[in-house]
Amino acid sequence: MNLTEEQLKEVETLAGLFFDPADIMSVIGLPVYEAESFMEIIWLQTEHPLYIAYHKGRLTAAIELRQAIKQAALNGSNPAQNTMIEYFNKSQI
């Protein structure tokens, strides 16, 4: 699957807004018959530009969100503190 640089940037943006893969495909104009290939790439083909764009967008947004939650926790927000404790507990090996 070959996507343009514009489509890859759109994938990154939409993944960063936590849209699901089907919605991303619709927005960038991929036909339904490409769904299996699209899913295989974003979950398995770690060197593919689509994989990189999708996961970069999703993880960058998750980082920003967690940073905001951490800051709220440090400012005394009890729900944010509880969320950070949950993240901490899940991060233990």
PDB file of N, CA and C in Angstrom:
ATOM      1  N   MET A   1       0.854  -1.172   0.000  1.00  0.00           N
ATOM      2  CA  MET A   1       0.000   0.000   0.000  1.00  0.00           C
ATOM      3  C   MET A   1       0.897   1.230   0.000  1.00  0.00           C
ATOM      4  N   ASN A   2       0.699   2.060  -0.984  1.00  0.00           N
ATOM      5  CA  ASN A   2       1.477   3.294  -1.092  1.00  0.00           C
ATOM      6  C   ASN A   2       0.574   4.486  -0.830  1.00  0.00           C
ATOM      7  N   LEU A   3       0.937   5.261   0.172  1.00  0.00           N
ATOM      8  CA  LEU A   3       0.170   6.457   0.502  1.00  0.00           C
ATOM      9  C   LEU A   3       1.030   7.680   0.251  1.00  0.00           C
ATOM     10  N   THR A   4       0.380   8.791  -0.072  1.00  0.00           N
ATOM     11  CA  THR A   4       1.106  10.034  -0.269  1.00  0.00           C
ATOM     12  C   THR A   4       1.550  10.587   1.085  1.00  0.00           C
ATOM     13  N   GLU A   5       2.482  11.510   1.048  1.00  0.00           N
ATOM     14  CA  GLU A   5       2.921  12.174   2.283  1.00  0.00           C
ATOM     15  C   GLU A   5       1.746  12.883   2.956  1.00  0.00           C
ATOM     16  N   GLU A   6       0.866  13.456   2.147  1.00  0.00           N
ATOM     17  CA  GLU A   6      -0.324  14.137   2.686  1.00  0.00           C
ATOM     18  C   GLU A   6      -1.228  13.142   3.415  1.00  0.00           C
ATOM     19  N   GLN A   7      -1.435  11.978   2.829  1.00  0.00           N
ATOM     20  CA  GLN A   7      -2.260  10.953   3.472  1.00  0.00           C
ATOM     21  C   GLN A   7      -1.618  10.462   4.769  1.00  0.00           C
ATOM     22  N   LEU A   8      -0.303  10.283   4.769  1.00  0.00           N
ATOM     23  CA  LEU A   8       0.392   9.839   5.978  1.00  0.00           C
ATOM     24  C   LEU A   8       0.279  10.870   7.092  1.00  0.00           C
ATOM     25  N   LYS A   9       0.383  12.147   6.748  1.00  0.00           N
ATOM     26  CA  LYS A   9       0.216  13.204   7.760  1.00  0.00           C
ATOM     27  C   LYS A   9      -1.203  13.187   8.309  1.00  0.00           C
ATOM     28  N   GLU A  10      -2.182  12.950   7.444  1.00  0.00           N
ATOM     29  CA  GLU A  10      -3.579  12.870   7.878  1.00  0.00           C
ATOM     30  C   GLU A  10      -3.787  11.669   8.794  1.00  0.00           C
ATOM     31  N   VAL A  11      -3.168  10.536   8.467  1.00  0.00           N
ATOM     32  CA  VAL A  11      -3.239   9.353   9.335  1.00  0.00           C
ATOM     33  C   VAL A  11      -2.681   9.699  10.708  1.00  0.00           C
ATOM     34  N   GLU A  12      -1.527  10.353  10.743  1.00  0.00           N
ATOM     35  CA  GLU A  12      -0.902  10.728  12.017  1.00  0.00           C
ATOM     36  C   GLU A  12      -1.812  11.641  12.830  1.00  0.00           C
ATOM     37  N   THR A  13      -2.397  12.630  12.177  1.00  0.00           N
ATOM     38  CA  THR A  13      -3.300  13.563  12.855  1.00  0.00           C
ATOM     39  C   THR A  13      -4.526  12.848  13.403  1.00  0.00           C
ATOM     40  N   LEU A  14      -5.160  12.031  12.586  1.00  0.00           N
ATOM     41  CA  LEU A  14      -6.383  11.334  12.998  1.00  0.00           C
ATOM     42  C   LEU A  14      -6.108  10.293  14.079  1.00  0.00           C
ATOM     43  N   ALA A  15      -4.999   9.583  13.965  1.00  0.00           N
ATOM     44  CA  ALA A  15      -4.634   8.618  15.005  1.00  0.00           C
ATOM     45  C   ALA A  15      -4.385   9.351  16.322  1.00  0.00           C
ATOM     46  N   GLY A  16      -3.834  10.558  16.232  1.00  0.00           N
ATOM     47  CA  GLY A  16      -3.595  11.374  17.421  1.00  0.00           C
ATOM     48  C   GLY A  16      -4.873  11.875  18.067  1.00  0.00           C
ATOM     49  N   LEU A  17      -5.939  11.837  17.332  1.00  0.00           N
ATOM     50  CA  LEU A  17      -7.254  12.194  17.875  1.00  0.00           C
ATOM     51  C   LEU A  17      -8.052  10.944  18.236  1.00  0.00           C
ATOM     52  N   PHE A  18      -7.390   9.783  18.168  1.00  0.00           N
ATOM     53  CA  PHE A  18      -7.929   8.477  18.546  1.00  0.00           C
ATOM     54  C   PHE A  18      -9.121   8.025  17.696  1.00  0.00           C
ATOM     55  N   PHE A  19      -9.095   8.394  16.399  1.00  0.00           N
ATOM     56  CA  PHE A  19     -10.085   7.841  15.485  1.00  0.00           C
ATOM     57  C   PHE A  19      -9.731   6.387  15.222  1.00  0.00           C
ATOM     58  N   ASP A  20     -10.753   5.566  14.981  1.00  0.00           N
ATOM     59  CA  ASP A  20     -10.461   4.160  14.709  1.00  0.00           C
ATOM     60  C   ASP A  20      -9.994   4.007  13.258  1.00  0.00           C
ATOM     61  N   PRO A  21      -9.311   2.899  12.969  1.00  0.00           N
ATOM     62  CA  PRO A  21      -8.757   2.704  11.627  1.00  0.00           C
ATOM     63  C   PRO A  21      -9.777   2.817  10.496  1.00  0.00           C
ATOM     64  N   ALA A  22     -10.990   2.340  10.693  1.00  0.00           N
ATOM     65  CA  ALA A  22     -12.013   2.431   9.634  1.00  0.00           C
ATOM     66  C   ALA A  22     -12.329   3.883   9.305  1.00  0.00           C
ATOM     67  N   ASP A  23     -12.440   4.712  10.326  1.00  0.00           N
ATOM     68  CA  ASP A  23     -12.709   6.136  10.088  1.00  0.00           C
ATOM     69  C   ASP A  23     -11.524   6.804   9.392  1.00  0.00           C
ATOM     70  N   ILE A  24     -10.317   6.438   9.803  1.00  0.00           N
ATOM     71  CA  ILE A  24      -9.124   6.996   9.163  1.00  0.00           C
ATOM     72  C   ILE A  24      -9.105   6.635   7.689  1.00  0.00           C
ATOM     73  N   MET A  25      -9.405   5.384   7.384  1.00  0.00           N
ATOM     74  CA  MET A  25      -9.450   4.961   5.988  1.00  0.00           C
ATOM     75  C   MET A  25     -10.455   5.776   5.186  1.00  0.00           C
ATOM     76  N   SER A  26     -11.619   6.028   5.768  1.00  0.00           N
ATOM     77  CA  SER A  26     -12.649   6.800   5.067  1.00  0.00           C
ATOM     78  C   SER A  26     -12.165   8.217   4.778  1.00  0.00           C
ATOM     79  N   VAL A  27     -11.547   8.838   5.771  1.00  0.00           N
ATOM     80  CA  VAL A  27     -11.109  10.228   5.610  1.00  0.00           C
ATOM     81  C   VAL A  27     -10.013  10.354   4.556  1.00  0.00           C
ATOM     82  N   ILE A  28      -9.073   9.404   4.534  1.00  0.00           N
ATOM     83  CA  ILE A  28      -7.983   9.516   3.558  1.00  0.00           C
ATOM     84  C   ILE A  28      -8.341   8.925   2.194  1.00  0.00           C
ATOM     85  N   GLY A  29      -9.553   8.399   2.084  1.00  0.00           N
ATOM     86  CA  GLY A  29     -10.054   7.953   0.788  1.00  0.00           C
ATOM     87  C   GLY A  29      -9.658   6.558   0.365  1.00  0.00           C
ATOM     88  N   LEU A  30      -9.400   5.673   1.320  1.00  0.00           N
ATOM     89  CA  LEU A  30      -9.083   4.289   0.962  1.00  0.00           C
ATOM     90  C   LEU A  30     -10.366   3.477   0.836  1.00  0.00           C
ATOM     91  N   PRO A  31     -10.457   2.643  -0.175  1.00  0.00           N
ATOM     92  CA  PRO A  31     -11.652   1.818  -0.346  1.00  0.00           C
ATOM     93  C   PRO A  31     -11.721   0.708   0.698  1.00  0.00           C
ATOM     94  N   VAL A  32     -12.915   0.200   0.929  1.00  0.00           N
ATOM     95  CA  VAL A  32     -13.162  -0.839   1.931  1.00  0.00           C
ATOM     96  C   VAL A  32     -12.322  -2.086   1.663  1.00  0.00           C
ATOM     97  N   TYR A  33     -12.098  -2.432   0.402  1.00  0.00           N
ATOM     98  CA  TYR A  33     -11.342  -3.653   0.110  1.00  0.00           C
ATOM     99  C   TYR A  33      -9.878  -3.569   0.559  1.00  0.00           C
ATOM    100  N   GLU A  34      -9.402  -2.385   0.932  1.00  0.00           N
ATOM    101  CA  GLU A  34      -8.037  -2.213   1.450  1.00  0.00           C
ATOM    102  C   GLU A  34      -7.965  -2.406   2.965  1.00  0.00           C
ATOM    103  N   ALA A  35      -9.096  -2.647   3.624  1.00  0.00           N
ATOM    104  CA  ALA A  35      -9.138  -2.701   5.088  1.00  0.00           C
ATOM    105  C   ALA A  35      -8.204  -3.761   5.665  1.00  0.00           C
ATOM    106  N   GLU A  36      -8.205  -4.944   5.106  1.00  0.00           N
ATOM    107  CA  GLU A  36      -7.357  -6.010   5.644  1.00  0.00           C
ATOM    108  C   GLU A  36      -5.877  -5.638   5.545  1.00  0.00           C
ATOM    109  N   SER A  37      -5.498  -5.095   4.408  1.00  0.00           N
ATOM    110  CA  SER A  37      -4.115  -4.681   4.206  1.00  0.00           C
ATOM    111  C   SER A  37      -3.749  -3.541   5.164  1.00  0.00           C
ATOM    112  N   PHE A  38      -4.644  -2.569   5.290  1.00  0.00           N
ATOM    113  CA  PHE A  38      -4.424  -1.434   6.191  1.00  0.00           C
ATOM    114  C   PHE A  38      -4.195  -1.923   7.623  1.00  0.00           C
ATOM    115  N   MET A  39      -5.063  -2.820   8.088  1.00  0.00           N
ATOM    116  CA  MET A  39      -4.945  -3.329   9.453  1.00  0.00           C
ATOM    117  C   MET A  39      -3.662  -4.130   9.648  1.00  0.00           C
ATOM    118  N   GLU A  40      -3.319  -4.933   8.672  1.00  0.00           N
ATOM    119  CA  GLU A  40      -2.084  -5.720   8.777  1.00  0.00           C
ATOM    120  C   GLU A  40      -0.870  -4.795   8.895  1.00  0.00           C
ATOM    121  N   ILE A  41      -0.870  -3.741   8.121  1.00  0.00           N
ATOM    122  CA  ILE A  41       0.258  -2.809   8.165  1.00  0.00           C
ATOM    123  C   ILE A  41       0.344  -2.115   9.512  1.00  0.00           C
ATOM    124  N   ILE A  42      -0.775  -1.568  10.002  1.00  0.00           N
ATOM    125  CA  ILE A  42      -0.678  -0.787  11.244  1.00  0.00           C
ATOM    126  C   ILE A  42      -0.415  -1.641  12.474  1.00  0.00           C
ATOM    127  N   TRP A  43      -0.605  -2.963  12.380  1.00  0.00           N
ATOM    128  CA  TRP A  43      -0.343  -3.818  13.539  1.00  0.00           C
ATOM    129  C   TRP A  43       0.925  -4.652  13.412  1.00  0.00           C
ATOM    130  N   LEU A  44       1.408  -4.905  12.193  1.00  0.00           N
ATOM    131  CA  LEU A  44       2.505  -5.852  12.052  1.00  0.00           C
ATOM    132  C   LEU A  44       3.746  -5.331  11.323  1.00  0.00           C
ATOM    133  N   GLN A  45       3.591  -4.418  10.409  1.00  0.00           N
ATOM    134  CA  GLN A  45       4.710  -4.024   9.548  1.00  0.00           C
ATOM    135  C   GLN A  45       5.408  -2.779  10.102  1.00  0.00           C
ATOM    136  N   THR A  46       6.245  -3.001  11.090  1.00  0.00           N
ATOM    137  CA  THR A  46       6.831  -1.903  11.873  1.00  0.00           C
ATOM    138  C   THR A  46       7.709  -0.947  11.077  1.00  0.00           C
ATOM    139  N   GLU A  47       8.156  -1.325   9.912  1.00  0.00           N
ATOM    140  CA  GLU A  47       9.001  -0.449   9.098  1.00  0.00           C
ATOM    141  C   GLU A  47       8.196   0.345   8.060  1.00  0.00           C
ATOM    142  N   HIS A  48       6.937   0.007   7.904  1.00  0.00           N
ATOM    143  CA  HIS A  48       6.097   0.653   6.879  1.00  0.00           C
ATOM    144  C   HIS A  48       5.764   2.085   7.309  1.00  0.00           C
ATOM    145  N   PRO A  49       5.803   3.047   6.382  1.00  0.00           N
ATOM    146  CA  PRO A  49       5.476   4.442   6.721  1.00  0.00           C
ATOM    147  C   PRO A  49       4.083   4.612   7.330  1.00  0.00           C
ATOM    148  N   LEU A  50       3.120   3.784   6.925  1.00  0.00           N
ATOM    149  CA  LEU A  50       1.778   3.861   7.500  1.00  0.00           C
ATOM    150  C   LEU A  50       1.805   3.460   8.974  1.00  0.00           C
ATOM    151  N   TYR A  51       2.497   2.380   9.297  1.00  0.00           N
ATOM    152  CA  TYR A  51       2.642   1.944  10.688  1.00  0.00           C
ATOM    153  C   TYR A  51       3.247   3.070  11.523  1.00  0.00           C
ATOM    154  N   ILE A  52       4.316   3.650  11.014  1.00  0.00           N
ATOM    155  CA  ILE A  52       5.015   4.709  11.739  1.00  0.00           C
ATOM    156  C   ILE A  52       4.108   5.915  11.957  1.00  0.00           C
ATOM    157  N   ALA A  53       3.404   6.342  10.919  1.00  0.00           N
ATOM    158  CA  ALA A  53       2.514   7.501  11.036  1.00  0.00           C
ATOM    159  C   ALA A  53       1.385   7.245  12.031  1.00  0.00           C
ATOM    160  N   TYR A  54       0.771   6.070  11.936  1.00  0.00           N
ATOM    161  CA  TYR A  54      -0.346   5.737  12.815  1.00  0.00           C
ATOM    162  C   TYR A  54       0.090   5.725  14.273  1.00  0.00           C
ATOM    163  N   HIS A  55       1.159   5.013  14.558  1.00  0.00           N
ATOM    164  CA  HIS A  55       1.591   4.875  15.950  1.00  0.00           C
ATOM    165  C   HIS A  55       2.232   6.150  16.497  1.00  0.00           C
ATOM    166  N   LYS A  56       2.896   6.909  15.652  1.00  0.00           N
ATOM    167  CA  LYS A  56       3.445   8.187  16.094  1.00  0.00           C
ATOM    168  C   LYS A  56       2.317   9.125  16.514  1.00  0.00           C
ATOM    169  N   GLY A  57       1.276   9.202  15.720  1.00  0.00           N
ATOM    170  CA  GLY A  57       0.144  10.064  16.052  1.00  0.00           C
ATOM    171  C   GLY A  57      -0.537   9.644  17.342  1.00  0.00           C
ATOM    172  N   ARG A  58      -0.805   8.350  17.457  1.00  0.00           N
ATOM    173  CA  ARG A  58      -1.498   7.820  18.635  1.00  0.00           C
ATOM    174  C   ARG A  58      -0.668   7.997  19.905  1.00  0.00           C
ATOM    175  N   LEU A  59       0.612   7.645  19.832  1.00  0.00           N
ATOM    176  CA  LEU A  59       1.456   7.714  21.021  1.00  0.00           C
ATOM    177  C   LEU A  59       1.804   9.148  21.412  1.00  0.00           C
ATOM    178  N   THR A  60       1.995  10.018  20.442  1.00  0.00           N
ATOM    179  CA  THR A  60       2.269  11.424  20.744  1.00  0.00           C
ATOM    180  C   THR A  60       1.093  12.047  21.488  1.00  0.00           C
ATOM    181  N   ALA A  61      -0.114  11.751  21.037  1.00  0.00           N
ATOM    182  CA  ALA A  61      -1.300  12.271  21.722  1.00  0.00           C
ATOM    183  C   ALA A  61      -1.437  11.679  23.119  1.00  0.00           C
ATOM    184  N   ALA A  62      -1.145  10.396  23.260  1.00  0.00           N
ATOM    185  CA  ALA A  62      -1.222   9.759  24.580  1.00  0.00           C
ATOM    186  C   ALA A  62      -0.208  10.375  25.540  1.00  0.00           C
ATOM    187  N   ILE A  63       0.979  10.679  25.038  1.00  0.00           N
ATOM    188  CA  ILE A  63       2.001  11.330  25.866  1.00  0.00           C
ATOM    189  C   ILE A  63       1.511  12.695  26.323  1.00  0.00           C
ATOM    190  N   GLU A  64       0.978  13.484  25.399  1.00  0.00           N
ATOM    191  CA  GLU A  64       0.471  14.817  25.756  1.00  0.00           C
ATOM    192  C   GLU A  64      -0.649  14.727  26.784  1.00  0.00           C
ATOM    193  N   LEU A  65      -1.525  13.766  26.601  1.00  0.00           N
ATOM    194  CA  LEU A  65      -2.633  13.581  27.531  1.00  0.00           C
ATOM    195  C   LEU A  65      -2.125  13.207  28.917  1.00  0.00           C
ATOM    196  N   ARG A  66      -1.185  12.272  28.976  1.00  0.00           N
ATOM    197  CA  ARG A  66      -0.633  11.868  30.270  1.00  0.00           C
ATOM    198  C   ARG A  66       0.132  13.007  30.937  1.00  0.00           C
ATOM    199  N   GLN A  67       0.813  13.818  30.150  1.00  0.00           N
ATOM    200  CA  GLN A  67       1.508  14.971  30.730  1.00  0.00           C
ATOM    201  C   GLN A  67       0.510  15.942  31.354  1.00  0.00           C
ATOM    202  N   ALA A  68      -0.617  16.144  30.685  1.00  0.00           N
ATOM    203  CA  ALA A  68      -1.647  17.035  31.221  1.00  0.00           C
ATOM    204  C   ALA A  68      -2.253  16.448  32.492  1.00  0.00           C
ATOM    205  N   ILE A  69      -2.476  15.142  32.501  1.00  0.00           N
ATOM    206  CA  ILE A  69      -3.013  14.481  33.700  1.00  0.00           C
ATOM    207  C   ILE A  69      -2.007  14.571  34.839  1.00  0.00           C
ATOM    208  N   LYS A  70      -0.728  14.371  34.537  1.00  0.00           N
ATOM    209  CA  LYS A  70       0.314  14.474  35.558  1.00  0.00           C
ATOM    210  C   LYS A  70       0.345  15.886  36.150  1.00  0.00           C
ATOM    211  N   GLN A  71       0.261  16.884  35.289  1.00  0.00           N
ATOM    212  CA  GLN A  71       0.283  18.260  35.785  1.00  0.00           C
ATOM    213  C   GLN A  71      -0.930  18.537  36.669  1.00  0.00           C
ATOM    214  N   ALA A  72      -2.086  18.056  36.272  1.00  0.00           N
ATOM    215  CA  ALA A  72      -3.282  18.225  37.098  1.00  0.00           C
ATOM    216  C   ALA A  72      -3.107  17.514  38.433  1.00  0.00           C
ATOM    217  N   ALA A  73      -2.498  16.337  38.415  1.00  0.00           N
ATOM    218  CA  ALA A  73      -2.244  15.596  39.662  1.00  0.00           C
ATOM    219  C   ALA A  73      -1.309  16.378  40.571  1.00  0.00           C
ATOM    220  N   LEU A  74      -0.264  16.941  39.997  1.00  0.00           N
ATOM    221  CA  LEU A  74       0.682  17.733  40.785  1.00  0.00           C
ATOM    222  C   LEU A  74       0.040  19.007  41.340  1.00  0.00           C
ATOM    223  N   ASN A  75      -1.003  19.478  40.655  1.00  0.00           N
ATOM    224  CA  ASN A  75      -1.729  20.662  41.114  1.00  0.00           C
ATOM    225  C   ASN A  75      -2.829  20.313  42.112  1.00  0.00           C
ATOM    226  N   GLY A  76      -2.942  19.029  42.468  1.00  0.00           N
ATOM    227  CA  GLY A  76      -3.868  18.636  43.522  1.00  0.00           C
ATOM    228  C   GLY A  76      -5.160  17.979  43.087  1.00  0.00           C
ATOM    229  N   SER A  77      -5.329  17.702  41.800  1.00  0.00           N
ATOM    230  CA  SER A  77      -6.556  17.055  41.331  1.00  0.00           C
ATOM    231  C   SER A  77      -6.568  15.600  41.788  1.00  0.00           C
ATOM    232  N   ASN A  78      -7.541  15.257  42.647  1.00  0.00           N
ATOM    233  CA  ASN A  78      -7.632  13.895  43.151  1.00  0.00           C
ATOM    234  C   ASN A  78      -7.907  12.883  42.040  1.00  0.00           C
ATOM    235  N   PRO A  79      -8.833  13.144  41.101  1.00  0.00           N
ATOM    236  CA  PRO A  79      -9.038  12.181  40.012  1.00  0.00           C
ATOM    237  C   PRO A  79      -7.766  11.984  39.171  1.00  0.00           C
ATOM    238  N   ALA A  80      -7.044  13.067  38.915  1.00  0.00           N
ATOM    239  CA  ALA A  80      -5.804  12.958  38.145  1.00  0.00           C
ATOM    240  C   ALA A  80      -4.752  12.176  38.932  1.00  0.00           C
ATOM    241  N   GLN A  81      -4.704  12.375  40.237  1.00  0.00           N
ATOM    242  CA  GLN A  81      -3.764  11.616  41.064  1.00  0.00           C
ATOM    243  C   GLN A  81      -4.088  10.129  41.010  1.00  0.00           C
ATOM    244  N   ASN A  82      -5.357   9.794  41.082  1.00  0.00           N
ATOM    245  CA  ASN A  82      -5.765   8.390  40.995  1.00  0.00           C
ATOM    246  C   ASN A  82      -5.404   7.789  39.635  1.00  0.00           C
ATOM    247  N   THR A  83      -5.600   8.573  38.589  1.00  0.00           N
ATOM    248  CA  THR A  83      -5.249   8.108  37.250  1.00  0.00           C
ATOM    249  C   THR A  83      -3.749   7.863  37.143  1.00  0.00           C
ATOM    250  N   MET A  84      -2.947   8.764  37.700  1.00  0.00           N
ATOM    251  CA  MET A  84      -1.492   8.582  37.657  1.00  0.00           C
ATOM    252  C   MET A  84      -1.073   7.360  38.471  1.00  0.00           C
ATOM    253  N   ILE A  85      -1.728   7.110  39.569  1.00  0.00           N
ATOM    254  CA  ILE A  85      -1.421   5.914  40.366  1.00  0.00           C
ATOM    255  C   ILE A  85      -1.753   4.661  39.549  1.00  0.00           C
ATOM    256  N   GLU A  86      -2.870   4.695  38.808  1.00  0.00           N
ATOM    257  CA  GLU A  86      -3.225   3.562  37.946  1.00  0.00           C
ATOM    258  C   GLU A  86      -2.153   3.353  36.868  1.00  0.00           C
ATOM    259  N   TYR A  87      -1.705   4.440  36.239  1.00  0.00           N
ATOM    260  CA  TYR A  87      -0.653   4.331  35.228  1.00  0.00           C
ATOM    261  C   TYR A  87       0.609   3.742  35.852  1.00  0.00           C
ATOM    262  N   PHE A  88       0.954   4.222  37.046  1.00  0.00           N
ATOM    263  CA  PHE A  88       2.139   3.730  37.733  1.00  0.00           C
ATOM    264  C   PHE A  88       2.024   2.231  37.999  1.00  0.00           C
ATOM    265  N   ASN A  89       0.892   1.808  38.539  1.00  0.00           N
ATOM    266  CA  ASN A  89       0.696   0.392  38.853  1.00  0.00           C
ATOM    267  C   ASN A  89       0.743  -0.495  37.604  1.00  0.00           C
ATOM    268  N   LYS A  90       0.193  -0.001  36.495  1.00  0.00           N
ATOM    269  CA  LYS A  90       0.214  -0.766  35.251  1.00  0.00           C
ATOM    270  C   LYS A  90       1.611  -0.831  34.639  1.00  0.00           C
ATOM    271  N   SER A  91       2.456   0.130  34.990  1.00  0.00           N
ATOM    272  CA  SER A  91       3.791   0.175  34.390  1.00  0.00           C
ATOM    273  C   SER A  91       4.780  -0.751  35.080  1.00  0.00           C
ATOM    274  N   GLN A  92       4.391  -1.320  36.224  1.00  0.00           N
ATOM    275  CA  GLN A  92       5.287  -2.208  36.958  1.00  0.00           C
ATOM    276  C   GLN A  92       5.429  -3.540  36.225  1.00  0.00           C
ATOM    277  N   ILE A  93       6.623  -4.027  36.177  1.00  0.00           N
ATOM    278  CA  ILE A  93       6.883  -5.297  35.483  1.00  0.00           C
ATOM    279  C   ILE A  93       6.633  -6.468  36.414  1.00  0.00           C
TER     280      ILE A  93
END
